Every structure is written in structure tokens, then in C-alpha cells.
C-alpha atoms as a PDB file:
ATOM      1  CA  MET A   1       5.151  12.227 -22.740  1.00  0.00           C
ATOM      2  CA  SER A   2       6.527  11.088 -19.409  1.00  0.00           C
ATOM      3  CA  ARG A   3       5.478   7.707 -18.110  1.00  0.00           C
ATOM      4  CA  ALA A   4       5.153   5.855 -14.832  1.00  0.00           C
ATOM      5  CA  ASP A   5       5.690   2.106 -14.557  1.00  0.00           C
ATOM      6  CA  TYR A   6       4.332   0.050 -11.690  1.00  0.00           C
ATOM      7  CA  TYR A   7       5.709  -3.457 -11.129  1.00  0.00           C
ATOM      8  CA  ILE A   8       3.522  -5.314  -8.642  1.00  0.00           C
ATOM      9  CA  LEU A   9       5.341  -8.197  -6.954  1.00  0.00           C
ATOM     10  CA  PRO A  10       3.585 -11.005  -5.057  1.00  0.00           C
ATOM     11  CA  ASP A  11       6.083 -10.840  -2.189  1.00  0.00           C
ATOM     12  CA  THR A  12       6.184  -8.979   1.107  1.00  0.00           C
ATOM     13  CA  GLU A  13       9.967  -9.147   1.649  1.00  0.00           C
ATOM     14  CA  PRO A  14      12.141  -6.109   0.893  1.00  0.00           C
ATOM     15  CA  GLU A  15      14.818  -8.524  -0.420  1.00  0.00           C
ATOM     16  CA  SER A  16      12.565  -9.543  -3.317  1.00  0.00           C
ATOM     17  CA  ARG A  17      12.171  -5.851  -4.134  1.00  0.00           C
ATOM     18  CA  ALA A  18      15.975  -5.488  -4.292  1.00  0.00           C
ATOM     19  CA  ALA A  19      16.339  -8.579  -6.486  1.00  0.00           C
ATOM     20  CA  PHE A  20      13.702  -7.287  -8.916  1.00  0.00           C
ATOM     21  CA  LEU A  21      15.297  -3.831  -8.847  1.00  0.00           C
ATOM     22  CA  CYS A  22      18.595  -5.407  -9.861  1.00  0.00           C
ATOM     23  CA  ARG A  23      17.054  -7.109 -12.914  1.00  0.00           C
ATOM     24  CA  LEU A  24      15.142  -3.965 -13.835  1.00  0.00           C
ATOM     25  CA  CYS A  25      18.284  -1.814 -13.652  1.00  0.00           C
ATOM     26  CA  GLU A  26      20.057  -4.245 -15.992  1.00  0.00           C
ATOM     27  CA  LYS A  27      17.251  -3.788 -18.536  1.00  0.00           C
ATOM     28  CA  ILE A  28      17.220  -0.001 -18.199  1.00  0.00           C
ATOM     29  CA  LEU A  29      21.005   0.137 -18.635  1.00  0.00           C
ATOM     30  CA  GLY A  30      20.575  -1.967 -21.775  1.00  0.00           C
ATOM     31  CA  LEU A  31      18.372   0.847 -23.123  1.00  0.00           C
ATOM     32  CA  GLY A  32      21.207   3.301 -22.521  1.00  0.00           C
ATOM     33  CA  MET A  33      19.388   5.232 -19.804  1.00  0.00           C
ATOM     34  CA  ARG A  34      20.652   6.489 -16.462  1.00  0.00           C
ATOM     35  CA  VAL A  35      18.868   5.607 -13.228  1.00  0.00           C
ATOM     36  CA  PHE A  36      18.336   7.414  -9.956  1.00  0.00           C
ATOM     37  CA  ILE A  37      17.025   5.348  -7.041  1.00  0.00           C
ATOM     38  CA  SER A  38      15.416   7.408  -4.299  1.00  0.00           C
ATOM     39  CA  THR A  39      15.363   6.029  -0.741  1.00  0.00           C
ATOM     40  CA  GLU A  40      13.965   7.574   2.442  1.00  0.00           C
ATOM     41  CA  HIS A  41      17.184   8.062   4.402  1.00  0.00           C
ATOM     42  CA  GLU A  42      20.928   7.409   4.452  1.00  0.00           C
ATOM     43  CA  THR A  43      20.603   4.036   6.202  1.00  0.00           C
ATOM     44  CA  ALA A  44      18.193   2.807   3.511  1.00  0.00           C
ATOM     45  CA  ALA A  45      20.514   4.087   0.752  1.00  0.00           C
ATOM     46  CA  ARG A  46      23.533   2.279   2.253  1.00  0.00           C
ATOM     47  CA  GLN A  47      21.509  -0.897   2.782  1.00  0.00           C
ATOM     48  CA  LEU A  48      20.318  -0.851  -0.840  1.00  0.00           C
ATOM     49  CA  ASP A  49      23.901  -0.259  -1.979  1.00  0.00           C
ATOM     50  CA  GLN A  50      24.904  -3.493  -0.220  1.00  0.00           C
ATOM     51  CA  GLN A  51      21.853  -5.410  -1.478  1.00  0.00           C
ATOM     52  CA  LEU A  52      22.618  -4.519  -5.095  1.00  0.00           C
ATOM     53  CA  TRP A  53      26.089  -6.064  -4.754  1.00  0.00           C
ATOM     54  CA  THR A  54      24.620  -9.357  -3.528  1.00  0.00           C
ATOM     55  CA  ALA A  55      21.091  -9.570  -5.020  1.00  0.00           C
ATOM     56  CA  ARG A  56      22.198 -11.367  -8.187  1.00  0.00           C
ATOM     57  CA  PRO A  57      25.609 -13.007  -7.833  1.00  0.00           C
ATOM     58  CA  GLN A  58      25.695 -13.867 -11.563  1.00  0.00           C
ATOM     59  CA  SER A  59      25.405 -10.234 -12.652  1.00  0.00           C
ATOM     60  CA  PHE A  60      27.006  -6.861 -12.071  1.00  0.00           C
ATOM     61  CA  VAL A  61      24.915  -3.725 -11.720  1.00  0.00           C
ATOM     62  CA  PRO A  62      27.223  -0.695 -11.639  1.00  0.00           C
ATOM     63  CA  HIS A  63      25.988   1.721  -8.997  1.00  0.00           C
ATOM     64  CA  VAL A  64      27.185   4.318  -6.532  1.00  0.00           C
ATOM     65  CA  LEU A  65      25.770   6.404  -3.720  1.00  0.00           C
ATOM     66  CA  LEU A  66      24.949   9.842  -5.144  1.00  0.00           C
ATOM     67  CA  GLY A  67      28.106  11.923  -5.371  1.00  0.00           C
ATOM     68  CA  GLY A  68      30.364   8.894  -4.981  1.00  0.00           C
ATOM     69  CA  LEU A  69      33.197   7.865  -7.270  1.00  0.00           C
ATOM     70  CA  PRO A  70      33.692   6.476  -9.769  1.00  0.00           C
ATOM     71  CA  ALA A  71      30.715   7.912 -11.633  1.00  0.00           C
ATOM     72  CA  SER A  72      28.028   5.366 -12.460  1.00  0.00           C
ATOM     73  CA  PRO A  73      24.878   5.192 -14.612  1.00  0.00           C
ATOM     74  CA  ILE A  74      22.964   4.103 -11.490  1.00  0.00           C
ATOM     75  CA  GLU A  75      22.958   6.406  -8.492  1.00  0.00           C
ATOM     76  CA  ILE A  76      21.315   5.872  -5.104  1.00  0.00           C
ATOM     77  CA  GLY A  77      20.159   8.908  -3.169  1.00  0.00           C
ATOM     78  CA  GLN A  78      18.119   9.679  -0.110  1.00  0.00           C
ATOM     79  CA  GLY A  79      15.687  12.305   1.040  1.00  0.00           C
ATOM     80  CA  GLU A  80      15.654  15.354  -1.224  1.00  0.00           C
ATOM     81  CA  GLN A  81      18.848  14.453  -3.116  1.00  0.00           C
ATOM     82  CA  LEU A  82      18.719  14.549  -6.925  1.00  0.00           C
ATOM     83  CA  PRO A  83      21.174  13.546  -9.662  1.00  0.00           C
ATOM     84  CA  ASN A  84      22.288  15.735 -12.579  1.00  0.00           C
ATOM     85  CA  HIS A  85      20.093  13.839 -15.082  1.00  0.00           C
ATOM     86  CA  ARG A  86      16.315  13.548 -15.398  1.00  0.00           C
ATOM     87  CA  GLU A  87      15.987  10.121 -17.056  1.00  0.00           C
ATOM     88  CA  VAL A  88      14.663   7.308 -14.799  1.00  0.00           C
ATOM     89  CA  PHE A  89      13.497   7.886 -11.216  1.00  0.00           C
ATOM     90  CA  ILE A  90      12.933   4.706  -9.180  1.00  0.00           C
ATOM     91  CA  ASN A  91      10.981   5.481  -6.044  1.00  0.00           C
ATOM     92  CA  LEU A  92      11.717   3.391  -2.959  1.00  0.00           C
ATOM     93  CA  SER A  93      10.959   6.197  -0.514  1.00  0.00           C
ATOM     94  CA  GLY A  94       7.203   5.976  -0.036  1.00  0.00           C
ATOM     95  CA  ARG A  95       5.578   9.237  -1.071  1.00  0.00           C
ATOM     96  CA  LEU A  96       6.701  10.355  -4.509  1.00  0.00           C
ATOM     97  CA  PRO A  97       8.513  13.703  -4.239  1.00  0.00           C
ATOM     98  CA  ASP A  98       7.339  16.521  -6.522  1.00  0.00           C
ATOM     99  CA  THR A  99      10.776  16.585  -8.178  1.00  0.00           C
ATOM    100  CA  ALA A 100      10.147  13.066  -9.541  1.00  0.00           C
ATOM    101  CA  PHE A 101       7.787  14.603 -12.113  1.00  0.00           C
ATOM    102  CA  GLU A 102      10.801  16.267 -13.773  1.00  0.00           C
ATOM    103  CA  PHE A 103      12.031  12.823 -14.940  1.00  0.00           C
ATOM    104  CA  GLU A 104      11.216  11.089 -18.239  1.00  0.00           C
ATOM    105  CA  ARG A 105      10.162   7.933 -16.426  1.00  0.00           C
ATOM    106  CA  ILE A 106       9.052   7.099 -12.888  1.00  0.00           C
ATOM    107  CA  VAL A 107       9.217   3.518 -11.637  1.00  0.00           C
ATOM    108  CA  GLU A 108       7.598   1.984  -8.561  1.00  0.00           C
ATOM    109  CA  ILE A 109       8.304  -1.564  -7.383  1.00  0.00           C
ATOM    110  CA  VAL A 110       5.358  -2.633  -5.262  1.00  0.00           C
ATOM    111  CA  ILE A 111       5.546  -5.296  -2.574  1.00  0.00           C
ATOM    112  CA  GLN A 112       2.547  -6.508  -0.602  1.00  0.00           C
ATOM    113  CA  THR A 113       2.908  -4.578   2.649  1.00  0.00           C
ATOM    114  CA  PRO A 114       0.297  -2.104   3.920  1.00  0.00           C
ATOM    115  CA  GLU A 115       2.762   0.818   3.939  1.00  0.00           C
ATOM    116  CA  VAL A 116       4.002   0.260   0.388  1.00  0.00           C
ATOM    117  CA  LEU A 117       0.501  -0.385  -0.975  1.00  0.00           C
ATOM    118  CA  ALA A 118      -0.906   2.799   0.607  1.00  0.00           C
ATOM    119  CA  ALA A 119       1.972   4.950  -0.696  1.00  0.00           C
ATOM    120  CA  THR A 120       1.676   3.382  -4.155  1.00  0.00           C
ATOM    121  CA  ARG A 121      -2.041   4.128  -4.406  1.00  0.00           C
ATOM    122  CA  GLU A 122      -1.388   7.781  -3.581  1.00  0.00           C
ATOM    123  CA  ASN A 123       1.570   7.963  -5.991  1.00  0.00           C
ATOM    124  CA  TYR A 124      -0.447   6.347  -8.792  1.00  0.00           C
ATOM    125  CA  ALA A 125      -3.197   8.949  -8.394  1.00  0.00           C
ATOM    126  CA  ARG A 126      -0.632  11.775  -8.427  1.00  0.00           C
ATOM    127  CA  CYS A 127       0.980  10.396 -11.616  1.00  0.00           C
ATOM    128  CA  ARG A 128      -2.450  10.151 -13.238  1.00  0.00           C
ATOM    129  CA  ASP A 129      -3.258  13.717 -12.179  1.00  0.00           C
ATOM    130  CA  HIS A 130       0.053  14.913 -13.697  1.00  0.00           C
ATOM    131  CA  GLY A 131      -0.972  13.339 -17.013  1.00  0.00           C
ATOM    132  CA  LEU A 132       1.716  10.658 -17.100  1.00  0.00           C
ATOM    133  CA  GLU A 133       1.250   7.622 -19.322  1.00  0.00           C
ATOM    134  CA  LEU A 134       0.601   4.821 -16.787  1.00  0.00           C
ATOM    135  CA  HIS A 135       1.824   1.237 -17.184  1.00  0.00           C
ATOM    136  CA  ARG A 136       1.089  -1.586 -14.762  1.00  0.00           C
ATOM    137  CA  THR A 137       2.827  -4.973 -14.726  1.00  0.00           C
ATOM    138  CA  ASP A 138       1.242  -7.390 -12.267  1.00  0.00           C
ATOM    139  CA  MET A 139       3.749 -10.115 -11.409  1.00  0.00           C
ATOM    140  CA  ARG A 140       1.414 -11.822  -8.909  1.00  0.00           C
ATOM    141  CA  HIS A 141      -0.184 -14.055 -11.539  1.00  0.00           C
ATOM    142  CA  ARG A 142       2.831 -15.093 -13.577  1.00  0.00           C
ATOM    143  CA  SER A 143       4.336 -18.529 -13.459  1.00  0.00           C
END
């Protein structure tokens, strides 16, 4: 069964989302899975590419813009772009595209802004309606 994971951060800053994404990608790579990160547009994809190089100076998260070289287990795309695999889909583009339901796992990283919260509520309901196994990790109350 496919699953959807929701990580709810206490922050409102997009930078905290990128830092958490970096740590999460390290864990997913440790499981031997490939990751596709979906952004809304090319500017967002390029910005995320830069953020992943600087989010955690003590670590290295191998990534590439979709179609770039050398090949990488983490690819960043935008709009309707899709990778060759259907393993992990990390949604940073607001509304979850229908093609995301082809993946084994969908991940949402939620920050506390009205736009992200509204999109996440809609995406959560769509995942539930598609019969995905839902997991929620609320980071707002952790020390």
C-alpha cells in the first residue's frame, strides 16, 4: 500500500523547510530509495537546488535538477516534470498533482503559512480519498 507522510514544522520560514528537507533526504537515501522533489516553477527548483547545497554545511545531499548530470538519487523538478522512478515524491508545489499517486510514498513538509496549510489540508483529503496509508509527525511540540 502506498503511504503519505506529513511532517508539520512549527516554523513559517521556507528556509526551515529546506533544512528539514535536507535531513529527510539523508534518511530516505539511507533506506536506499530515490527521491523526486516537485516545485511549482523553474525559479523555485533552482532556489531549492542552491538551498540544499547550503542547508546543512556538515552534510552532503547528492541532488540534481531533473535531467541534469551526473545522475543523482535525488532529483528536483518543476511543474509537470516527472522522473523515471516512482519511489518517493516530495511535494513542495502546493496542490498535489494527480501523477503523485503513482509513487510508493508521498511526503509533505508543512510550514505554518496560510497558503501551505490550505494546500496541505486539500492534499491530505485527496490522499485519504485515494486510500493511502496516512502518517502525521507533528514537530511543533517536540523539544
